[in-house]
Each structure stands twice: as structure tokens, then as C-alpha cells.
C-alpha atoms as a PDB file:
ATOM      1  CA  MET A   1       8.851  16.369 -18.629  1.00  0.00           C
ATOM      2  CA  GLY A   2       9.349  12.866 -17.856  1.00  0.00           C
ATOM      3  CA  PRO A   3       9.567   9.844 -19.997  1.00  0.00           C
ATOM      4  CA  GLY A   4       5.660   9.355 -20.948  1.00  0.00           C
ATOM      5  CA  GLY A   5       5.419  11.821 -23.323  1.00  0.00           C
ATOM      6  CA  GLU A   6       3.111  14.876 -23.547  1.00  0.00           C
ATOM      7  CA  GLY A   7       0.467  14.849 -20.951  1.00  0.00           C
ATOM      8  CA  GLY A   8       3.039  13.151 -18.339  1.00  0.00           C
ATOM      9  CA  GLY A   9       3.446   9.091 -18.036  1.00  0.00           C
ATOM     10  CA  PRO A  10       1.822   5.899 -19.427  1.00  0.00           C
ATOM     11  CA  VAL A  11      -2.136   6.100 -20.314  1.00  0.00           C
ATOM     12  CA  GLU A  12      -2.574   2.511 -21.233  1.00  0.00           C
ATOM     13  CA  ASP A  13      -1.451  -0.621 -19.534  1.00  0.00           C
ATOM     14  CA  GLY A  14       0.545  -1.552 -22.492  1.00  0.00           C
ATOM     15  CA  ALA A  15       2.333   1.581 -22.227  1.00  0.00           C
ATOM     16  CA  VAL A  16       3.825   0.829 -18.817  1.00  0.00           C
ATOM     17  CA  ALA A  17       6.755  -1.409 -19.942  1.00  0.00           C
ATOM     18  CA  GLY A  18       8.119   1.015 -22.238  1.00  0.00           C
ATOM     19  CA  TRP A  19       7.552   3.858 -19.810  1.00  0.00           C
ATOM     20  CA  CYS A  20       9.782   2.076 -17.645  1.00  0.00           C
ATOM     21  CA  ARG A  21      12.465   1.260 -20.343  1.00  0.00           C
ATOM     22  CA  ALA A  22      12.643   4.862 -21.186  1.00  0.00           C
ATOM     23  CA  LEU A  23      12.506   5.977 -17.510  1.00  0.00           C
ATOM     24  CA  GLY A  24      15.600   3.832 -16.968  1.00  0.00           C
ATOM     25  CA  VAL A  25      14.721   1.176 -14.723  1.00  0.00           C
ATOM     26  CA  PRO A  26      13.703  -2.931 -15.210  1.00  0.00           C
ATOM     27  CA  GLY A  27      10.107  -2.219 -14.133  1.00  0.00           C
ATOM     28  CA  VAL A  28       8.257  -1.279 -10.789  1.00  0.00           C
ATOM     29  CA  VAL A  29       7.879  -2.330  -7.403  1.00  0.00           C
ATOM     30  CA  ASP A  30       4.004  -2.077  -6.049  1.00  0.00           C
ATOM     31  CA  VAL A  31       3.487  -2.229  -2.383  1.00  0.00           C
ATOM     32  CA  HIS A  32      -0.098  -2.208  -2.274  1.00  0.00           C
ATOM     33  CA  VAL A  33      -1.246  -5.006  -4.380  1.00  0.00           C
ATOM     34  CA  HIS A  34      -4.094  -7.180  -2.937  1.00  0.00           C
ATOM     35  CA  PHE A  35      -4.662 -10.988  -3.691  1.00  0.00           C
ATOM     36  CA  LEU A  36      -6.832 -12.666  -1.354  1.00  0.00           C
ATOM     37  CA  PRO A  37      -8.785 -16.562  -0.753  1.00  0.00           C
ATOM     38  CA  GLU A  38     -11.117 -16.712  -3.372  1.00  0.00           C
ATOM     39  CA  ARG A  39     -14.264 -16.503  -0.840  1.00  0.00           C
ATOM     40  CA  MET A  40     -12.721 -13.388   0.877  1.00  0.00           C
ATOM     41  CA  GLU A  41     -12.302 -11.802  -2.282  1.00  0.00           C
ATOM     42  CA  ARG A  42     -15.817 -12.062  -3.618  1.00  0.00           C
ATOM     43  CA  ARG A  43     -16.876 -10.435  -0.366  1.00  0.00           C
ATOM     44  CA  VAL A  44     -14.942  -7.552  -0.572  1.00  0.00           C
ATOM     45  CA  TRP A  45     -15.561  -7.562  -4.534  1.00  0.00           C
ATOM     46  CA  HIS A  46     -19.206  -7.477  -3.690  1.00  0.00           C
ATOM     47  CA  HIS A  47     -18.648  -4.182  -1.124  1.00  0.00           C
ATOM     48  CA  PHE A  48     -16.927  -2.518  -3.654  1.00  0.00           C
ATOM     49  CA  ASP A  49     -20.000  -2.876  -6.277  1.00  0.00           C
ATOM     50  CA  ASN A  50     -22.341  -1.822  -3.728  1.00  0.00           C
ATOM     51  CA  GLY A  51     -21.104   0.763  -1.565  1.00  0.00           C
ATOM     52  CA  GLY A  52     -21.807   0.830   2.077  1.00  0.00           C
ATOM     53  CA  PRO A  53     -20.415   2.274   5.341  1.00  0.00           C
ATOM     54  CA  LEU A  54     -16.802   1.414   4.676  1.00  0.00           C
ATOM     55  CA  VAL A  55     -16.248   2.129   1.246  1.00  0.00           C
ATOM     56  CA  GLY A  56     -18.837   5.176   0.684  1.00  0.00           C
ATOM     57  CA  GLN A  57     -20.316   4.884  -2.993  1.00  0.00           C
ATOM     58  CA  GLY A  58     -18.215   2.198  -3.979  1.00  0.00           C
ATOM     59  CA  TRP A  59     -17.035   1.894  -7.567  1.00  0.00           C
ATOM     60  CA  GLU A  60     -16.684  -0.484 -10.670  1.00  0.00           C
ATOM     61  CA  ILE A  61     -13.516  -2.965 -10.435  1.00  0.00           C
ATOM     62  CA  ARG A  62     -11.507  -2.586 -13.485  1.00  0.00           C
ATOM     63  CA  TYR A  63      -9.090  -5.902 -12.921  1.00  0.00           C
ATOM     64  CA  ARG A  64     -11.977  -8.533 -12.106  1.00  0.00           C
ATOM     65  CA  LEU A  65     -10.481 -11.205 -13.273  1.00  0.00           C
ATOM     66  CA  PRO A  66      -9.220 -14.872 -12.661  1.00  0.00           C
ATOM     67  CA  ARG A  67      -6.122 -14.835 -10.246  1.00  0.00           C
ATOM     68  CA  GLU A  68      -3.738 -16.372 -12.659  1.00  0.00           C
ATOM     69  CA  GLU A  69      -4.988 -13.741 -15.203  1.00  0.00           C
ATOM     70  CA  ARG A  70      -4.198 -10.743 -13.039  1.00  0.00           C
ATOM     71  CA  VAL A  71      -0.369 -11.923 -11.956  1.00  0.00           C
ATOM     72  CA  ALA A  72       0.424 -12.357 -15.853  1.00  0.00           C
ATOM     73  CA  ARG A  73      -1.252  -8.704 -16.183  1.00  0.00           C
ATOM     74  CA  LEU A  74       0.876  -7.385 -13.728  1.00  0.00           C
ATOM     75  CA  ARG A  75       3.990  -9.360 -15.182  1.00  0.00           C
ATOM     76  CA  ALA A  76       3.178  -8.137 -18.617  1.00  0.00           C
ATOM     77  CA  MET A  77       3.432  -4.550 -17.318  1.00  0.00           C
ATOM     78  CA  GLY A  78       6.527  -4.734 -15.658  1.00  0.00           C
ATOM     79  CA  VAL A  79       5.788  -5.019 -12.491  1.00  0.00           C
ATOM     80  CA  ARG A  80       8.534  -6.907 -10.784  1.00  0.00           C
ATOM     81  CA  TRP A  81       7.770  -7.380  -7.273  1.00  0.00           C
ATOM     82  CA  PHE A  82       4.246  -6.784  -5.765  1.00  0.00           C
ATOM     83  CA  THR A  83       2.568  -7.776  -2.392  1.00  0.00           C
ATOM     84  CA  ALA A  84      -0.364  -9.907  -1.633  1.00  0.00           C
ATOM     85  CA  LEU A  85      -2.073  -7.791   0.966  1.00  0.00           C
ATOM     86  CA  ALA A  86      -4.653  -9.475   3.289  1.00  0.00           C
ATOM     87  CA  TYR A  87      -6.054  -7.689   5.945  1.00  0.00           C
ATOM     88  CA  ALA A  88      -8.133  -9.517   9.289  1.00  0.00           C
ATOM     89  CA  HIS A  89     -11.263  -7.697  10.047  1.00  0.00           C
ATOM     90  CA  ARG A  90     -12.065  -9.589  13.157  1.00  0.00           C
ATOM     91  CA  PRO A  91     -10.880 -12.214  15.395  1.00  0.00           C
ATOM     92  CA  GLY A  92      -9.827 -15.509  14.279  1.00  0.00           C
ATOM     93  CA  MET A  93      -8.874 -14.745  10.754  1.00  0.00           C
ATOM     94  CA  ALA A  94      -5.598 -13.873  10.789  1.00  0.00           C
ATOM     95  CA  ARG A  95      -3.552 -17.286  11.456  1.00  0.00           C
ATOM     96  CA  SER A  96      -5.244 -18.715   8.184  1.00  0.00           C
ATOM     97  CA  LEU A  97      -5.159 -15.470   5.888  1.00  0.00           C
ATOM     98  CA  ASN A  98      -1.231 -15.510   6.488  1.00  0.00           C
ATOM     99  CA  ASP A  99      -1.270 -19.445   5.473  1.00  0.00           C
ATOM    100  CA  TRP A 100      -2.734 -18.408   2.289  1.00  0.00           C
ATOM    101  CA  THR A 101      -0.888 -15.764   1.536  1.00  0.00           C
ATOM    102  CA  LEU A 102       2.632 -16.907   2.047  1.00  0.00           C
ATOM    103  CA  ASP A 103       1.725 -20.154   0.293  1.00  0.00           C
ATOM    104  CA  PHE A 104       0.258 -17.951  -2.712  1.00  0.00           C
ATOM    105  CA  ALA A 105       3.938 -15.939  -2.465  1.00  0.00           C
ATOM    106  CA  ASP A 106       5.713 -19.396  -2.441  1.00  0.00           C
ATOM    107  CA  ALA A 107       3.967 -20.161  -5.474  1.00  0.00           C
ATOM    108  CA  THR A 108       4.059 -17.092  -7.461  1.00  0.00           C
ATOM    109  CA  PRO A 109       7.373 -15.401  -8.533  1.00  0.00           C
ATOM    110  CA  GLY A 110       7.990 -12.166  -7.794  1.00  0.00           C
ATOM    111  CA  CYS A 111       5.038 -12.007  -5.041  1.00  0.00           C
ATOM    112  CA  VAL A 112       6.521 -10.811  -1.605  1.00  0.00           C
ATOM    113  CA  PRO A 113       5.870 -12.650   1.266  1.00  0.00           C
ATOM    114  CA  SER A 114       2.795 -10.433   3.311  1.00  0.00           C
ATOM    115  CA  ALA A 115       1.047 -11.304   6.434  1.00  0.00           C
ATOM    116  CA  THR A 116      -1.749  -9.717   8.486  1.00  0.00           C
ATOM    117  CA  PHE A 117      -2.356  -9.375  12.425  1.00  0.00           C
ATOM    118  CA  PHE A 118      -5.621  -8.368  14.864  1.00  0.00           C
ATOM    119  CA  PRO A 119      -5.387  -7.354  18.398  1.00  0.00           C
ATOM    120  CA  GLU A 120      -6.589 -10.699  20.045  1.00  0.00           C
ATOM    121  CA  PRO A 121      -5.173 -13.365  22.124  1.00  0.00           C
ATOM    122  CA  GLY A 122      -2.282 -15.213  20.362  1.00  0.00           C
ATOM    123  CA  VAL A 123      -1.293 -12.645  17.911  1.00  0.00           C
ATOM    124  CA  LEU A 124       2.528 -12.120  19.122  1.00  0.00           C
ATOM    125  CA  ASP A 125       2.815 -15.892  18.253  1.00  0.00           C
ATOM    126  CA  ASP A 126       0.772 -15.552  14.935  1.00  0.00           C
ATOM    127  CA  VAL A 127       3.227 -12.512  13.853  1.00  0.00           C
ATOM    128  CA  ARG A 128       6.306 -14.507  14.987  1.00  0.00           C
ATOM    129  CA  ALA A 129       5.047 -17.556  13.081  1.00  0.00           C
ATOM    130  CA  ALA A 130       4.799 -15.384   9.816  1.00  0.00           C
ATOM    131  CA  LEU A 131       8.136 -13.778  10.459  1.00  0.00           C
ATOM    132  CA  GLU A 132       9.375 -17.486  10.387  1.00  0.00           C
ATOM    133  CA  ARG A 133       7.991 -18.521   7.210  1.00  0.00           C
ATOM    134  CA  GLY A 134       9.387 -14.958   5.747  1.00  0.00           C
ATOM    135  CA  ALA A 135       7.022 -12.507   5.752  1.00  0.00           C
ATOM    136  CA  ARG A 136       8.580  -8.943   4.480  1.00  0.00           C
ATOM    137  CA  VAL A 137       5.661  -7.070   4.896  1.00  0.00           C
ATOM    138  CA  PHE A 138       2.481  -6.972   7.155  1.00  0.00           C
ATOM    139  CA  LYS A 139      -0.658  -4.974   6.009  1.00  0.00           C
ATOM    140  CA  VAL A 140      -3.333  -3.608   8.737  1.00  0.00           C
ATOM    141  CA  HIS A 141      -6.366  -1.786   8.160  1.00  0.00           C
ATOM    142  CA  LEU A 142      -7.709   0.363  10.842  1.00  0.00           C
ATOM    143  CA  GLN A 143     -11.059   1.711   9.009  1.00  0.00           C
ATOM    144  CA  VAL A 144     -11.958  -1.916   8.382  1.00  0.00           C
ATOM    145  CA  GLY A 145     -10.967  -3.522  11.294  1.00  0.00           C
ATOM    146  CA  ALA A 146     -12.237  -0.994  13.455  1.00  0.00           C
ATOM    147  CA  PHE A 147      -9.768  -1.487  15.971  1.00  0.00           C
ATOM    148  CA  ASP A 148      -7.280   0.763  17.853  1.00  0.00           C
ATOM    149  CA  PRO A 149      -3.605   0.374  16.858  1.00  0.00           C
ATOM    150  CA  ARG A 150      -2.936   1.416  20.797  1.00  0.00           C
ATOM    151  CA  HIS A 151      -4.607  -1.759  22.016  1.00  0.00           C
ATOM    152  CA  GLU A 152      -2.810  -3.310  24.629  1.00  0.00           C
ATOM    153  CA  ASP A 153      -2.342  -6.721  22.665  1.00  0.00           C
ATOM    154  CA  LEU A 154      -0.672  -5.470  19.768  1.00  0.00           C
ATOM    155  CA  GLU A 155       2.102  -3.472  22.269  1.00  0.00           C
ATOM    156  CA  PRO A 156       4.472  -6.644  22.054  1.00  0.00           C
ATOM    157  CA  VAL A 157       3.627  -6.827  18.522  1.00  0.00           C
ATOM    158  CA  TRP A 158       4.645  -3.520  16.876  1.00  0.00           C
ATOM    159  CA  GLY A 159       8.206  -3.696  19.363  1.00  0.00           C
ATOM    160  CA  LEU A 160       8.611  -7.186  17.688  1.00  0.00           C
ATOM    161  CA  LEU A 161       8.020  -5.694  14.075  1.00  0.00           C
ATOM    162  CA  ALA A 162      10.372  -2.744  15.076  1.00  0.00           C
ATOM    163  CA  GLU A 163      12.954  -4.908  16.246  1.00  0.00           C
ATOM    164  CA  ALA A 164      12.587  -7.087  13.218  1.00  0.00           C
ATOM    165  CA  GLY A 165      12.795  -3.610  10.774  1.00  0.00           C
ATOM    166  CA  VAL A 166       9.700  -5.386   8.639  1.00  0.00           C
ATOM    167  CA  PRO A 167       7.258  -2.921   7.463  1.00  0.00           C
ATOM    168  CA  VAL A 168       3.864  -2.670   8.140  1.00  0.00           C
ATOM    169  CA  VAL A 169       1.414  -1.087   5.485  1.00  0.00           C
ATOM    170  CA  VAL A 170      -1.507   0.854   7.981  1.00  0.00           C
ATOM    171  CA  HIS A 171      -4.445   2.109   6.197  1.00  0.00           C
ATOM    172  CA  ALA A 172      -4.759   5.096   9.301  1.00  0.00           C
ATOM    173  CA  SER A 173      -6.339   7.845   7.050  1.00  0.00           C
ATOM    174  CA  SER A 174      -9.951   8.473   6.670  1.00  0.00           C
ATOM    175  CA  MET A 175     -10.134   7.555   3.452  1.00  0.00           C
ATOM    176  CA  PRO A 176     -12.915   6.350   2.036  1.00  0.00           C
ATOM    177  CA  VAL A 177     -14.615   7.260   5.135  1.00  0.00           C
ATOM    178  CA  PRO A 178     -13.525   7.954   8.583  1.00  0.00           C
ATOM    179  CA  GLY A 179     -13.457   5.286  11.101  1.00  0.00           C
ATOM    180  CA  ARG A 180     -13.243   5.813  14.976  1.00  0.00           C
ATOM    181  CA  CYS A 181      -9.658   4.679  15.266  1.00  0.00           C
ATOM    182  CA  THR A 182      -8.616   6.851  11.677  1.00  0.00           C
ATOM    183  CA  GLY A 183      -6.457   9.966  11.816  1.00  0.00           C
ATOM    184  CA  PRO A 184      -3.019  10.885  12.512  1.00  0.00           C
ATOM    185  CA  GLY A 185      -3.492  10.377  16.117  1.00  0.00           C
ATOM    186  CA  PRO A 186      -3.934   6.786  17.122  1.00  0.00           C
ATOM    187  CA  ILE A 187      -0.743   5.820  14.764  1.00  0.00           C
ATOM    188  CA  GLY A 188       0.918   8.635  15.745  1.00  0.00           C
ATOM    189  CA  ASP A 189       0.535   7.342  19.284  1.00  0.00           C
ATOM    190  CA  VAL A 190       2.049   3.961  18.479  1.00  0.00           C
ATOM    191  CA  LEU A 191       5.026   6.010  16.797  1.00  0.00           C
ATOM    192  CA  ALA A 192       5.645   8.000  19.760  1.00  0.00           C
ATOM    193  CA  ARG A 193       6.266   4.663  22.043  1.00  0.00           C
ATOM    194  CA  HIS A 194       7.920   2.833  18.870  1.00  0.00           C
ATOM    195  CA  PRO A 195       9.655   5.482  16.896  1.00  0.00           C
ATOM    196  CA  GLY A 196      11.716   2.616  14.960  1.00  0.00           C
ATOM    197  CA  LEU A 197       8.543   0.951  13.722  1.00  0.00           C
ATOM    198  CA  ALA A 198       8.233   0.514   9.844  1.00  0.00           C
ATOM    199  CA  VAL A 199       5.329   1.689   9.062  1.00  0.00           C
ATOM    200  CA  VAL A 200       3.799   2.656   5.239  1.00  0.00           C
ATOM    201  CA  VAL A 201       0.880   5.165   5.677  1.00  0.00           C
ATOM    202  CA  ALA A 202      -1.516   3.890   2.660  1.00  0.00           C
ATOM    203  CA  HIS A 203      -2.713   6.081   0.253  1.00  0.00           C
ATOM    204  CA  LEU A 204      -0.401   8.925   1.194  1.00  0.00           C
ATOM    205  CA  GLY A 205      -2.753   9.637   4.157  1.00  0.00           C
ATOM    206  CA  MET A 206      -5.239  11.231   1.960  1.00  0.00           C
ATOM    207  CA  PRO A 207      -7.286  13.174   3.035  1.00  0.00           C
ATOM    208  CA  GLU A 208      -4.877  13.988   5.929  1.00  0.00           C
ATOM    209  CA  TYR A 209      -1.869  14.485   3.657  1.00  0.00           C
ATOM    210  CA  GLU A 210      -0.349  17.215   5.612  1.00  0.00           C
ATOM    211  CA  GLU A 211      -0.506  15.577   9.165  1.00  0.00           C
ATOM    212  CA  PHE A 212       0.672  12.029   7.443  1.00  0.00           C
ATOM    213  CA  LEU A 213       3.671  13.863   5.719  1.00  0.00           C
ATOM    214  CA  ASP A 214       4.159  15.638   9.173  1.00  0.00           C
ATOM    215  CA  LEU A 215       4.758  11.783  10.888  1.00  0.00           C
ATOM    216  CA  ALA A 216       7.078  10.818   7.988  1.00  0.00           C
ATOM    217  CA  GLU A 217       9.394  13.601   8.339  1.00  0.00           C
ATOM    218  CA  ARG A 218       9.243  13.163  12.046  1.00  0.00           C
ATOM    219  CA  TYR A 219      10.372   9.379  12.500  1.00  0.00           C
ATOM    220  CA  ALA A 220      13.429   7.898  10.146  1.00  0.00           C
ATOM    221  CA  ASN A 221      11.460   4.594   9.374  1.00  0.00           C
ATOM    222  CA  VAL A 222       7.717   6.307   8.201  1.00  0.00           C
ATOM    223  CA  ARG A 223       7.267   6.160   4.561  1.00  0.00           C
ATOM    224  CA  LEU A 224       3.624   6.935   2.403  1.00  0.00           C
ATOM    225  CA  ASP A 225       2.667   5.018  -0.465  1.00  0.00           C
ATOM    226  CA  THR A 226       1.107   6.108  -3.166  1.00  0.00           C
ATOM    227  CA  THR A 227      -2.152   4.036  -3.735  1.00  0.00           C
ATOM    228  CA  MET A 228      -4.831   6.398  -5.400  1.00  0.00           C
ATOM    229  CA  ALA A 229      -3.524   9.431  -4.622  1.00  0.00           C
ATOM    230  CA  PHE A 230      -3.105  12.028  -7.395  1.00  0.00           C
ATOM    231  CA  THR A 231      -5.456  10.082  -9.680  1.00  0.00           C
ATOM    232  CA  ASP A 232      -8.337  11.598 -11.168  1.00  0.00           C
ATOM    233  CA  PHE A 233     -10.793   9.506  -9.294  1.00  0.00           C
ATOM    234  CA  ALA A 234      -9.119  10.680  -5.769  1.00  0.00           C
ATOM    235  CA  GLU A 235      -8.390  14.375  -6.960  1.00  0.00           C
ATOM    236  CA  ARG A 236     -12.488  14.762  -7.509  1.00  0.00           C
ATOM    237  CA  THR A 237     -13.007  14.330  -3.371  1.00  0.00           C
ATOM    238  CA  ALA A 238      -9.571  14.566  -1.932  1.00  0.00           C
ATOM    239  CA  PRO A 239      -7.065  16.482  -3.789  1.00  0.00           C
ATOM    240  CA  PHE A 240      -3.376  16.642  -3.139  1.00  0.00           C
ATOM    241  CA  PRO A 241      -2.632  20.255  -1.935  1.00  0.00           C
ATOM    242  CA  ALA A 242      -0.155  21.699  -4.444  1.00  0.00           C
ATOM    243  CA  ARG A 243       1.860  23.716  -1.763  1.00  0.00           C
ATOM    244  CA  HIS A 244       2.840  20.305  -0.043  1.00  0.00           C
ATOM    245  CA  ARG A 245       4.904  19.000  -3.626  1.00  0.00           C
ATOM    246  CA  PRO A 246       8.058  20.201  -2.338  1.00  0.00           C
ATOM    247  CA  ARG A 247       7.600  18.131   0.517  1.00  0.00           C
ATOM    248  CA  LEU A 248       6.605  15.364  -1.599  1.00  0.00           C
ATOM    249  CA  ARG A 249       9.885  15.535  -3.838  1.00  0.00           C
ATOM    250  CA  ASP A 250      11.971  15.480  -0.969  1.00  0.00           C
ATOM    251  CA  LEU A 251      10.510  12.816   0.594  1.00  0.00           C
ATOM    252  CA  GLY A 252      10.675  10.508  -2.322  1.00  0.00           C
ATOM    253  CA  LEU A 253      13.984  11.285  -2.980  1.00  0.00           C
ATOM    254  CA  ALA A 254      14.885  10.406   0.967  1.00  0.00           C
ATOM    255  CA  GLY A 255      13.238   6.858   0.045  1.00  0.00           C
ATOM    256  CA  LYS A 256       9.964   7.978   1.854  1.00  0.00           C
ATOM    257  CA  ILE A 257       7.663   7.810  -0.696  1.00  0.00           C
ATOM    258  CA  VAL A 258       6.748   4.158  -2.420  1.00  0.00           C
ATOM    259  CA  LEU A 259       4.338   3.145  -5.597  1.00  0.00           C
ATOM    260  CA  GLY A 260       1.347   1.454  -4.400  1.00  0.00           C
ATOM    261  CA  SER A 261      -1.914   1.008  -6.298  1.00  0.00           C
ATOM    262  CA  ASP A 262      -4.287  -1.008  -4.999  1.00  0.00           C
ATOM    263  CA  PHE A 263      -4.574  -3.298  -7.525  1.00  0.00           C
ATOM    264  CA  PRO A 264      -6.982  -4.969  -8.642  1.00  0.00           C
ATOM    265  CA  THR A 265      -9.697  -2.941  -6.960  1.00  0.00           C
ATOM    266  CA  ILE A 266      -9.468  -0.096  -8.859  1.00  0.00           C
ATOM    267  CA  PRO A 267     -11.461   1.600 -10.946  1.00  0.00           C
ATOM    268  CA  TYR A 268      -9.052   2.740 -13.865  1.00  0.00           C
ATOM    269  CA  PRO A 269      -6.247   1.418 -15.891  1.00  0.00           C
ATOM    270  CA  TYR A 270      -3.331   0.728 -13.813  1.00  0.00           C
ATOM    271  CA  ALA A 271      -1.240   3.026 -16.230  1.00  0.00           C
ATOM    272  CA  HIS A 272      -3.406   5.901 -14.414  1.00  0.00           C
ATOM    273  CA  GLN A 273      -1.452   5.772 -11.353  1.00  0.00           C
ATOM    274  CA  LEU A 274       2.026   6.204 -12.905  1.00  0.00           C
ATOM    275  CA  HIS A 275       0.680   8.567 -15.369  1.00  0.00           C
ATOM    276  CA  ALA A 276      -0.737  10.516 -11.991  1.00  0.00           C
ATOM    277  CA  LEU A 277       2.717  10.613 -10.680  1.00  0.00           C
ATOM    278  CA  THR A 278       4.279  11.665 -13.899  1.00  0.00           C
ATOM    279  CA  ARG A 279       2.224  14.554 -14.616  1.00  0.00           C
ATOM    280  CA  LEU A 280       3.117  16.216 -10.745  1.00  0.00           C
ATOM    281  CA  ASP A 281       6.712  17.007 -12.951  1.00  0.00           C
ATOM    282  CA  LEU A 282       8.921  15.991  -9.883  1.00  0.00           C
ATOM    283  CA  ARG A 283      11.449  14.747 -12.146  1.00  0.00           C
ATOM    284  CA  ASP A 284      12.478  11.428 -13.645  1.00  0.00           C
ATOM    285  CA  ASP A 285      15.011  10.961 -10.826  1.00  0.00           C
ATOM    286  CA  TRP A 286      11.918  11.222  -8.059  1.00  0.00           C
ATOM    287  CA  LEU A 287       9.805   8.741 -10.113  1.00  0.00           C
ATOM    288  CA  ARG A 288      12.968   6.355 -10.298  1.00  0.00           C
ATOM    289  CA  ALA A 289      13.113   6.723  -6.731  1.00  0.00           C
ATOM    290  CA  VAL A 290       9.298   6.506  -5.922  1.00  0.00           C
ATOM    291  CA  CYS A 291       8.642   3.563  -8.358  1.00  0.00           C
ATOM    292  CA  TRP A 292      11.759   1.437  -7.957  1.00  0.00           C
ATOM    293  CA  ASP A 293      14.509   2.002  -5.728  1.00  0.00           C
ATOM    294  CA  ASN A 294      12.436   2.944  -2.497  1.00  0.00           C
ATOM    295  CA  GLY A 295      10.541  -0.392  -2.554  1.00  0.00           C
ATOM    296  CA  ARG A 296      13.153  -2.187  -3.213  1.00  0.00           C
ATOM    297  CA  ARG A 297      14.866  -1.052  -0.140  1.00  0.00           C
ATOM    298  CA  LEU A 298      11.828  -1.067   1.450  1.00  0.00           C
ATOM    299  CA  LEU A 299      11.244  -4.870   0.814  1.00  0.00           C
ATOM    300  CA  GLY A 300      14.836  -5.664   1.182  1.00  0.00           C
ATOM    301  CA  LEU A 301      14.545  -7.112  -2.528  1.00  0.00           C
END
């Protein structure tokens, strides 16, 4: 049984910091947190409120709070490091989004400098500029952006990021609904051409868990984040196959599973993600690796 006591892990947000202390880590590193410019954030939240072709039925956003309150909430729970993932879904967005997220990181202790890109003319220059400003992680969303990661404009970008060793959190799976370029095939083709690329597969690749576990085992720098995986919410529609728990443990101890949450756009308490990981009963050394050590190494903290 993990440090969270009976039932596995913290149930309420107020218990997260104590859970971390009992686990023997100073906090958690969350590689999948979103902070967006206010206008874009309102639009994203509207989609989740109302559902639609990209989000299915949608869901109620638990942390619909002013930006400063959300940062304070993360700190109170012991989230020591977190990202500010934004993603461009059409041409002409990435540069301004990167200016915003990198400025936000500069002004927000604990926020890891984050950036995005989109297949369009000038994308390589935009990625270079973000790297020069200190970006430590990128995010692309193949479902919402509806673009093919094999696009010719992205070939030099993948090469640059592989050479730089900077990770890319990629929503590549068919969750919550499939897209024309989701699934393990397209991003798998990119990895075949750039085998050193540091890809972090969002949402543990749900519902194509097995195929994305295969990619993590095949490529040295492929990781998976836990975002929404194993929660009651996800298990109702995309349950993780119990037969793959041994693979999950091995990958976590090998540094290839990292904590992600999707804060603030989740329909349950932040603590529930940690509770869900604890009740997997993969032992405390696995939890320490996933929630602290692996994220720090990934992001160079």
C-alpha cells in the first residue's frame, strides 16, 4: 500500500502535500498543465462546457479560477514545477502563443518555459526563436490541430528538437475522439525517421495504450504522461488493460512514465490523479519516479 493510506493516495487537494512528504519527495513535477492567454482560454473552456466534435460530450472544468488563484492552488498542493502548455490549431498562432507562454514562465516561479508550433512557412525559425528564449518543452495537438506530423514543413523541426534534446508533449492518440492523424502510425513514422526525438505521448496514449507502450519500449527517448489515465473518469470509457501493469512498472522505473494532469481542465480534484496512480499498487519507488524524478530529468530541472 502506498503512503496515501487505505484506498490509495490523496482524495482531497489539501492532502496532496502530506502525501508527497510521506512518499519522501518534496512535491511533484507535472509536465501537462495548461495556461493560456485569456481570450483563448475562454474559447477552450467554452468547448469543454458544450462538447463538440473535438471533445465529445465535454465535461465540467473543476478549476475555473483566475490565473493567479490557479498558480497558488498548484503551489499549495506541492506542485513544484509545471508547464504552461499551449497549442496552435491553425497557421499564424504559434509565434504569439510562444511569446505569451514564455513571458508567463519568466514571471511565474516554478513554471517551465513552454512553446508550440504548427506546420506552416517559418515554423523552423519560430522553433529556433523559442529555443533561444529558453523553451524546455513543446506541445503539439494532432487531434485539435488536425495536421499530419509527417508534414514536410515539420521535418527540420523534428530534427532540430531531436538534436537539442528538448521534449515535445504530443497529443497523438484518439482520445477523446479520433482525428485524421491520430493513433500510433503517424507519430511512429516520425520516430522512425528521428529515433532520438524526445516525444512525450499525452494521456498515456489512451485508448491505444498497447501500441504507445510499444513505442516507449522501442525508442530510447519516448515517454508517456499519465494525464487523466487511471482516473474514474477515464476508466469508464478507456480502461487501462490490467495485463500491461508490469510493463507500466518497468517503464516508470526506467524513467519513461511522467506525471501529467491536464490542470485546470479536469472534471475531478487534482488529488484524484495521484489517488488513481497510487491505487495501481506499483509501489512507492514507482510513484517517486513517476511523480518527481522522471519529470525533473525530462525537463532538465
